[in-house]
C-alpha cells in the first residue's frame, strides 16, 4: 500500500476538516447551509467537532491499494 495526499482536507494534505476549516465549530451561515438547522454556532457535523478531516482522520494522507 502507498500513502497519497488527502484531497478532501481543507487544503490538500493539511489534515483539517474542509467544512469547518479545522476549527471544529461551524457558524450560522455555514451551519444553515450544511444542515438546515437553527442559526448559531455549533459542532461541525462533518468532523463531529474534532476539526480533523473525516476522510484521513487528520493525518493528511490516505492509503491507496490493498493486500497483494
PDB file of N, CA and C in Angstrom:
ATOM      1  N   UNK A   1       0.844  -1.182   0.000  1.00  0.00           N
ATOM      2  CA  UNK A   1       0.000   0.000   0.000  1.00  0.00           C
ATOM      3  C   UNK A   1       0.887   1.241   0.000  1.00  0.00           C
ATOM      4  N   UNK A   2       0.388   2.300  -0.580  1.00  0.00           N
ATOM      5  CA  UNK A   2       1.138   3.545  -0.572  1.00  0.00           C
ATOM      6  C   UNK A   2       0.240   4.680  -0.095  1.00  0.00           C
ATOM      7  N   UNK A   3       0.865   5.691   0.487  1.00  0.00           N
ATOM      8  CA  UNK A   3       0.130   6.837   1.011  1.00  0.00           C
ATOM      9  C   UNK A   3       0.098   7.950  -0.029  1.00  0.00           C
ATOM     10  N   UNK A   4      -1.031   8.604  -0.118  1.00  0.00           N
ATOM     11  CA  UNK A   4      -1.214   9.732  -1.018  1.00  0.00           C
ATOM     12  C   UNK A   4      -1.817  10.885  -0.231  1.00  0.00           C
ATOM     13  N   UNK A   5      -1.547  12.104  -0.676  1.00  0.00           N
ATOM     14  CA  UNK A   5      -2.111  13.290  -0.028  1.00  0.00           C
ATOM     15  C   UNK A   5      -3.626  13.224  -0.118  1.00  0.00           C
ATOM     16  N   UNK A   6      -4.274  13.500   0.997  1.00  0.00           N
ATOM     17  CA  UNK A   6      -5.735  13.526   1.045  1.00  0.00           C
ATOM     18  C   UNK A   6      -6.232  14.835   0.434  1.00  0.00           C
ATOM     19  N   UNK A   7      -7.015  14.738  -0.622  1.00  0.00           N
ATOM     20  CA  UNK A   7      -7.541  15.936  -1.269  1.00  0.00           C
ATOM     21  C   UNK A   7      -8.859  16.399  -0.669  1.00  0.00           C
ATOM     22  N   UNK A   8      -9.393  15.654   0.312  1.00  0.00           N
ATOM     23  CA  UNK A   8     -10.634  16.058   0.973  1.00  0.00           C
ATOM     24  C   UNK A   8     -10.388  17.021   2.132  1.00  0.00           C
ATOM     25  N   UNK A   9      -9.128  17.206   2.521  1.00  0.00           N
ATOM     26  CA  UNK A   9      -8.778  18.145   3.593  1.00  0.00           C
ATOM     27  C   UNK A   9      -9.103  19.575   3.154  1.00  0.00           C
ATOM     28  N   UNK A  10      -9.125  20.514   4.117  1.00  0.00           N
ATOM     29  CA  UNK A  10      -9.367  21.923   3.822  1.00  0.00           C
ATOM     30  C   UNK A  10      -8.381  22.415   2.758  1.00  0.00           C
ATOM     31  N   UNK A  11      -7.109  22.205   2.979  1.00  0.00           N
ATOM     32  CA  UNK A  11      -6.073  22.384   1.962  1.00  0.00           C
ATOM     33  C   UNK A  11      -5.455  21.001   1.800  1.00  0.00           C
ATOM     34  N   UNK A  12      -5.325  20.493   0.583  1.00  0.00           N
ATOM     35  CA  UNK A  12      -4.849  19.126   0.419  1.00  0.00           C
ATOM     36  C   UNK A  12      -3.647  18.779   1.300  1.00  0.00           C
ATOM     37  N   UNK A  13      -3.846  17.764   2.131  1.00  0.00           N
ATOM     38  CA  UNK A  13      -2.783  17.255   2.978  1.00  0.00           C
ATOM     39  C   UNK A  13      -2.612  17.924   4.323  1.00  0.00           C
ATOM     40  N   UNK A  14      -3.449  18.934   4.664  1.00  0.00           N
ATOM     41  CA  UNK A  14      -3.246  19.616   5.949  1.00  0.00           C
ATOM     42  C   UNK A  14      -3.929  18.913   7.123  1.00  0.00           C
ATOM     43  N   UNK A  15      -4.838  17.976   6.854  1.00  0.00           N
ATOM     44  CA  UNK A  15      -5.498  17.221   7.918  1.00  0.00           C
ATOM     45  C   UNK A  15      -6.685  17.913   8.557  1.00  0.00           C
ATOM     46  N   UNK A  16      -7.021  19.119   8.092  1.00  0.00           N
ATOM     47  CA  UNK A  16      -8.154  19.861   8.658  1.00  0.00           C
ATOM     48  C   UNK A  16      -9.447  19.568   7.913  1.00  0.00           C
ATOM     49  N   UNK A  17     -10.539  19.554   8.641  1.00  0.00           N
ATOM     50  CA  UNK A  17     -11.867  19.366   8.062  1.00  0.00           C
ATOM     51  C   UNK A  17     -12.172  20.526   7.115  1.00  0.00           C
ATOM     52  N   UNK A  18     -12.640  20.217   5.920  1.00  0.00           N
ATOM     53  CA  UNK A  18     -12.924  21.268   4.946  1.00  0.00           C
ATOM     54  C   UNK A  18     -14.215  22.021   5.267  1.00  0.00           C
ATOM     55  N   UNK A  19     -15.128  21.417   6.000  1.00  0.00           N
ATOM     56  CA  UNK A  19     -16.386  22.086   6.321  1.00  0.00           C
ATOM     57  C   UNK A  19     -16.200  23.204   7.342  1.00  0.00           C
ATOM     58  N   UNK A  20     -15.345  22.985   8.343  1.00  0.00           N
ATOM     59  CA  UNK A  20     -15.152  23.986   9.407  1.00  0.00           C
ATOM     60  C   UNK A  20     -13.761  24.606   9.375  1.00  0.00           C
ATOM     61  N   UNK A  21     -12.953  24.207   8.405  1.00  0.00           N
ATOM     62  CA  UNK A  21     -11.580  24.699   8.238  1.00  0.00           C
ATOM     63  C   UNK A  21     -10.706  24.393   9.452  1.00  0.00           C
ATOM     64  N   UNK A  22     -11.019  23.285  10.119  1.00  0.00           N
ATOM     65  CA  UNK A  22     -10.196  22.820  11.232  1.00  0.00           C
ATOM     66  C   UNK A  22     -10.576  23.370  12.591  1.00  0.00           C
ATOM     67  N   UNK A  23     -11.612  24.191  12.667  1.00  0.00           N
ATOM     68  CA  UNK A  23     -11.994  24.796  13.947  1.00  0.00           C
ATOM     69  C   UNK A  23     -12.843  23.862  14.806  1.00  0.00           C
ATOM     70  N   UNK A  24     -13.536  22.916  14.178  1.00  0.00           N
ATOM     71  CA  UNK A  24     -14.437  22.035  14.905  1.00  0.00           C
ATOM     72  C   UNK A  24     -15.789  22.661  15.178  1.00  0.00           C
ATOM     73  N   UNK A  25     -15.940  23.923  14.806  1.00  0.00           N
ATOM     74  CA  UNK A  25     -17.189  24.654  15.008  1.00  0.00           C
ATOM     75  C   UNK A  25     -17.663  25.180  13.663  1.00  0.00           C
ATOM     76  N   UNK A  26     -18.928  25.316  13.525  1.00  0.00           N
ATOM     77  CA  UNK A  26     -19.477  25.839  12.279  1.00  0.00           C
ATOM     78  C   UNK A  26     -20.472  26.935  12.643  1.00  0.00           C
ATOM     79  N   UNK A  27     -20.329  28.071  11.994  1.00  0.00           N
ATOM     80  CA  UNK A  27     -21.135  29.242  12.310  1.00  0.00           C
ATOM     81  C   UNK A  27     -22.485  29.248  11.627  1.00  0.00           C
ATOM     82  N   UNK A  28     -23.207  30.295  11.854  1.00  0.00           N
ATOM     83  CA  UNK A  28     -24.582  30.431  11.389  1.00  0.00           C
ATOM     84  C   UNK A  28     -24.743  30.146   9.904  1.00  0.00           C
ATOM     85  N   UNK A  29     -24.052  30.878   9.061  1.00  0.00           N
ATOM     86  CA  UNK A  29     -24.252  30.742   7.621  1.00  0.00           C
ATOM     87  C   UNK A  29     -23.886  29.352   7.131  1.00  0.00           C
ATOM     88  N   UNK A  30     -22.719  28.850   7.500  1.00  0.00           N
ATOM     89  CA  UNK A  30     -22.304  27.518   7.061  1.00  0.00           C
ATOM     90  C   UNK A  30     -23.160  26.427   7.683  1.00  0.00           C
ATOM     91  N   UNK A  31     -23.540  26.594   8.945  1.00  0.00           N
ATOM     92  CA  UNK A  31     -24.363  25.594   9.607  1.00  0.00           C
ATOM     93  C   UNK A  31     -25.722  25.486   8.934  1.00  0.00           C
ATOM     94  N   UNK A  32     -26.334  26.620   8.638  1.00  0.00           N
ATOM     95  CA  UNK A  32     -27.636  26.587   7.981  1.00  0.00           C
ATOM     96  C   UNK A  32     -27.539  25.908   6.622  1.00  0.00           C
ATOM     97  N   UNK A  33     -26.480  26.198   5.893  1.00  0.00           N
ATOM     98  CA  UNK A  33     -26.289  25.583   4.586  1.00  0.00           C
ATOM     99  C   UNK A  33     -26.063  24.080   4.717  1.00  0.00           C
ATOM    100  N   UNK A  34     -25.288  23.661   5.723  1.00  0.00           N
ATOM    101  CA  UNK A  34     -24.924  22.254   5.880  1.00  0.00           C
ATOM    102  C   UNK A  34     -26.068  21.400   6.418  1.00  0.00           C
ATOM    103  N   UNK A  35     -26.867  21.952   7.324  1.00  0.00           N
ATOM    104  CA  UNK A  35     -27.843  21.103   7.992  1.00  0.00           C
ATOM    105  C   UNK A  35     -29.282  21.592   7.936  1.00  0.00           C
ATOM    106  N   UNK A  36     -29.493  22.825   7.526  1.00  0.00           N
ATOM    107  CA  UNK A  36     -30.848  23.353   7.503  1.00  0.00           C
ATOM    108  C   UNK A  36     -31.391  23.599   8.897  1.00  0.00           C
ATOM    109  N   UNK A  37     -30.526  23.614   9.909  1.00  0.00           N
ATOM    110  CA  UNK A  37     -30.954  23.784  11.299  1.00  0.00           C
ATOM    111  C   UNK A  37     -31.072  25.228  11.711  1.00  0.00           C
ATOM    112  N   UNK A  38     -31.211  25.428  13.019  1.00  0.00           N
ATOM    113  CA  UNK A  38     -31.325  26.766  13.588  1.00  0.00           C
ATOM    114  C   UNK A  38     -30.006  27.511  13.460  1.00  0.00           C
ATOM    115  N   UNK A  39     -30.091  28.831  13.574  1.00  0.00           N
ATOM    116  CA  UNK A  39     -28.878  29.637  13.499  1.00  0.00           C
ATOM    117  C   UNK A  39     -28.058  29.491  14.772  1.00  0.00           C
ATOM    118  N   UNK A  40     -26.821  29.930  14.723  1.00  0.00           N
ATOM    119  CA  UNK A  40     -25.922  29.850  15.857  1.00  0.00           C
ATOM    120  C   UNK A  40     -24.737  28.971  15.545  1.00  0.00           C
ATOM    121  N   UNK A  41     -23.731  29.030  16.400  1.00  0.00           N
ATOM    122  CA  UNK A  41     -22.537  28.220  16.203  1.00  0.00           C
ATOM    123  C   UNK A  41     -22.693  26.907  16.948  1.00  0.00           C
ATOM    124  N   UNK A  42     -22.233  25.838  16.324  1.00  0.00           N
ATOM    125  CA  UNK A  42     -22.354  24.516  16.917  1.00  0.00           C
ATOM    126  C   UNK A  42     -21.202  23.635  16.438  1.00  0.00           C
ATOM    127  N   UNK A  43     -21.128  22.430  16.954  1.00  0.00           N
ATOM    128  CA  UNK A  43     -20.101  21.488  16.497  1.00  0.00           C
ATOM    129  C   UNK A  43     -20.308  21.173  15.027  1.00  0.00           C
ATOM    130  N   UNK A  44     -19.210  21.038  14.315  1.00  0.00           N
ATOM    131  CA  UNK A  44     -19.263  20.739  12.885  1.00  0.00           C
ATOM    132  C   UNK A  44     -19.850  19.345  12.664  1.00  0.00           C
ATOM    133  N   UNK A  45     -20.878  19.229  11.823  1.00  0.00           N
ATOM    134  CA  UNK A  45     -21.472  17.918  11.569  1.00  0.00           C
ATOM    135  C   UNK A  45     -20.569  16.983  10.757  1.00  0.00           C
ATOM    136  N   UNK A  46     -19.633  17.532   9.986  1.00  0.00           N
ATOM    137  CA  UNK A  46     -18.757  16.691   9.176  1.00  0.00           C
ATOM    138  C   UNK A  46     -17.711  15.965  10.012  1.00  0.00           C
ATOM    139  N   UNK A  47     -17.080  16.686  10.947  1.00  0.00           N
ATOM    140  CA  UNK A  47     -15.994  16.096  11.729  1.00  0.00           C
ATOM    141  C   UNK A  47     -16.387  15.788  13.167  1.00  0.00           C
ATOM    142  N   UNK A  48     -17.638  16.099  13.536  1.00  0.00           N
ATOM    143  CA  UNK A  48     -18.093  15.840  14.893  1.00  0.00           C
ATOM    144  C   UNK A  48     -17.436  16.746  15.926  1.00  0.00           C
ATOM    145  N   UNK A  49     -16.894  17.883  15.479  1.00  0.00           N
ATOM    146  CA  UNK A  49     -16.290  18.839  16.391  1.00  0.00           C
ATOM    147  C   UNK A  49     -14.802  18.655  16.620  1.00  0.00           C
ATOM    148  N   UNK A  50     -14.203  17.667  15.968  1.00  0.00           N
ATOM    149  CA  UNK A  50     -12.774  17.416  16.184  1.00  0.00           C
ATOM    150  C   UNK A  50     -11.885  18.374  15.389  1.00  0.00           C
ATOM    151  N   UNK A  51     -12.390  18.887  14.272  1.00  0.00           N
ATOM    152  CA  UNK A  51     -11.599  19.737  13.396  1.00  0.00           C
ATOM    153  C   UNK A  51     -10.738  18.954  12.422  1.00  0.00           C
ATOM    154  N   UNK A  52     -10.768  17.634  12.534  1.00  0.00           N
ATOM    155  CA  UNK A  52      -9.955  16.776  11.678  1.00  0.00           C
ATOM    156  C   UNK A  52     -10.738  16.319  10.453  1.00  0.00           C
ATOM    157  N   UNK A  53     -10.044  16.197   9.341  1.00  0.00           N
ATOM    158  CA  UNK A  53     -10.657  15.701   8.115  1.00  0.00           C
ATOM    159  C   UNK A  53     -11.202  14.295   8.363  1.00  0.00           C
ATOM    160  N   UNK A  54     -12.497  14.074   8.093  1.00  0.00           N
ATOM    161  CA  UNK A  54     -13.076  12.749   8.333  1.00  0.00           C
ATOM    162  C   UNK A  54     -12.504  11.651   7.429  1.00  0.00           C
ATOM    163  N   UNK A  55     -12.033  12.009   6.260  1.00  0.00           N
ATOM    164  CA  UNK A  55     -11.522  11.005   5.321  1.00  0.00           C
ATOM    165  C   UNK A  55     -10.179  10.439   5.782  1.00  0.00           C
ATOM    166  N   UNK A  56      -9.250  11.312   6.179  1.00  0.00           N
ATOM    167  CA  UNK A  56      -7.908  10.852   6.557  1.00  0.00           C
ATOM    168  C   UNK A  56      -7.684  10.866   8.067  1.00  0.00           C
ATOM    169  N   UNK A  57      -8.704  11.261   8.818  1.00  0.00           N
ATOM    170  CA  UNK A  57      -8.661  11.332  10.280  1.00  0.00           C
ATOM    171  C   UNK A  57      -7.538  12.246  10.774  1.00  0.00           C
ATOM    172  N   UNK A  58      -7.269  13.308   9.999  1.00  0.00           N
ATOM    173  CA  UNK A  58      -6.306  14.316  10.412  1.00  0.00           C
ATOM    174  C   UNK A  58      -4.865  14.045  10.038  1.00  0.00           C
ATOM    175  N   UNK A  59      -4.602  12.923   9.388  1.00  0.00           N
ATOM    176  CA  UNK A  59      -3.210  12.592   9.045  1.00  0.00           C
ATOM    177  C   UNK A  59      -2.731  13.344   7.797  1.00  0.00           C
ATOM    178  N   UNK A  60      -3.658  13.749   6.944  1.00  0.00           N
ATOM    179  CA  UNK A  60      -3.292  14.415   5.696  1.00  0.00           C
ATOM    180  C   UNK A  60      -2.954  13.452   4.583  1.00  0.00           C
ATOM    181  N   UNK A  61      -2.978  12.156   4.884  1.00  0.00           N
ATOM    182  CA  UNK A  61      -2.666  11.140   3.878  1.00  0.00           C
ATOM    183  C   UNK A  61      -3.700  10.019   3.937  1.00  0.00           C
ATOM    184  N   UNK A  62      -3.940   9.406   2.796  1.00  0.00           N
ATOM    185  CA  UNK A  62      -4.806   8.235   2.728  1.00  0.00           C
ATOM    186  C   UNK A  62      -4.021   7.095   2.110  1.00  0.00           C
ATOM    187  N   UNK A  63      -4.315   5.894   2.539  1.00  0.00           N
ATOM    188  CA  UNK A  63      -3.653   4.698   1.999  1.00  0.00           C
ATOM    189  C   UNK A  63      -4.388   4.257   0.744  1.00  0.00           C
ATOM    190  N   UNK A  64      -3.635   4.005  -0.293  1.00  0.00           N
ATOM    191  CA  UNK A  64      -4.180   3.524  -1.564  1.00  0.00           C
ATOM    192  C   UNK A  64      -3.616   2.131  -1.835  1.00  0.00           C
ATOM    193  N   UNK A  65      -4.462   1.272  -2.299  1.00  0.00           N
ATOM    194  CA  UNK A  65      -4.014  -0.079  -2.624  1.00  0.00           C
ATOM    195  C   UNK A  65      -4.504  -1.063  -1.591  1.00  0.00           C
ATOM    196  N   UNK A  66      -4.161  -2.289  -1.756  1.00  0.00           N
ATOM    197  CA  UNK A  66      -4.601  -3.332  -0.843  1.00  0.00           C
ATOM    198  C   UNK A  66      -3.563  -4.398  -0.689  1.00  0.00           C
ATOM    199  N   UNK A  67      -3.972  -5.473  -0.060  1.00  0.00           N
ATOM    200  CA  UNK A  67      -3.052  -6.591   0.137  1.00  0.00           C
ATOM    201  C   UNK A  67      -2.784  -7.273  -1.190  1.00  0.00           C
ATOM    202  N   UNK A  68      -1.586  -7.721  -1.339  1.00  0.00           N
ATOM    203  CA  UNK A  68      -1.193  -8.315  -2.603  1.00  0.00           C
ATOM    204  C   UNK A  68      -1.289  -9.773  -2.673  1.00  0.00           C
TER     205      UNK A  68
END
